[in-house]
Amino acid sequence: MTEPQLAGWSGIDGRGWADLETIRIRLEAGADPNSGVYAFGGYEGKPLLFAAEWGTPETVAELARRVEDVDAEFDDRTALWTAVFARRPDNARALVAAGADPWRPMMAGWSPGRLALAGSTPGLFPIPAGYPGLTPDEAATVAEARRLITALENVDDYMGVACVADLTAAEAARRLEARPADDTAIETVLTDPWADPDAHLGIVGITDVPGGCVVTQPWGYVPSTPEVTLPLSEGTVCYSLFANPKSGDQGLVSRDGSIEDSDTHPGGGDAGGHLTADEILTEYLYQGEAVAYSCAMAGLRLPDARAVVGLPDLWLRLPERDR
């Protein structure tokens, strides 16, 4: 397929899917309502799915009345599932009005209707008679996500964080071969963390929390590096991230002393059919909540944000290593 044949939807970004006039002009000029959007290295992306996420009820309705199948799937999901996951209830209602099925099975058992039960609009669709809804475990996961996100709502957007399951702060300090930082160094770094960047990168905070411990560095990335995460993850798991306002949230998952996944995007809302049912639910619940996501994945139940943005239980100085 050549580029001129694909020009029907080229150049439309997220905001473009909300422009009803643009969508109508493209359709009248011959753009295929069923396909032709560039995605994942090809032009098989379905316009209706992009409108479901980025558009308006009006653009969704315009495309929905022209497609061959309002429930056609792309990337393991329908347009209605996309609207629910993206938290666009008005778009979801427009799709149902066009004939989309909220209870169509997909995504490890998460139909659009079932996924909506876990979100902020659980009454979005009428529940079929006899439908069981969320399991008790799923309902508990939803409740904990809401509690944890609220507890961490004042977290800053520049820091390194490591969330370690089933490990005390004392044991973490031992594994890191760290020693307590002296008061003068802490006073200096808290006053001006950029006064001596090389020296200050060697200082981290550590705090016991229900389920494990949290290692933080409000001014740097070191808690998300292998030199910290690998020893901490021996016999357990460590979800770490560097929240960088310039390049986004960069995650690292270490398990039992090895890197399991790198360059992740915690809280990025990336769900797909390759994930388990529990993973899909977690991705849905913690969109845009990188620190809460990392805590939840490590099984940490922070009562408040102190372990992340407050004074830690211990200030530690790490051994001198290349950073």
Foldseek 3Di string as FASTA:
>chain_A
DDDVVLVLPPPQDLQNLADQVSLVVSVVVPRDQQWRCDDPNDTGDHSLLSCLQRYALNSNLVSLVRDPDQQDDDQFGGSLLSNLLSVNLRNNVSSVVSPDDQCDATQQRHGNLLLNCLDPCNVSDDDDPPDPHDDPVSNVVSVLLVQLCVQAVPFDQFKKKKAWFPAEQVRLCVLLVWDFDDPVVVVVCVVPVPPPVVQSLQKWFKADFVGYIMIMRRHDHVCQDLSRQLSRQQVTKMWIWGRDPVPGIWIWIYHNRGTPDGRDHALCLDGGSVDHPVVNSLNSSRRPPRVSSRNVVSVTRGNHCCRYPNHHPTMIGGPDDDD
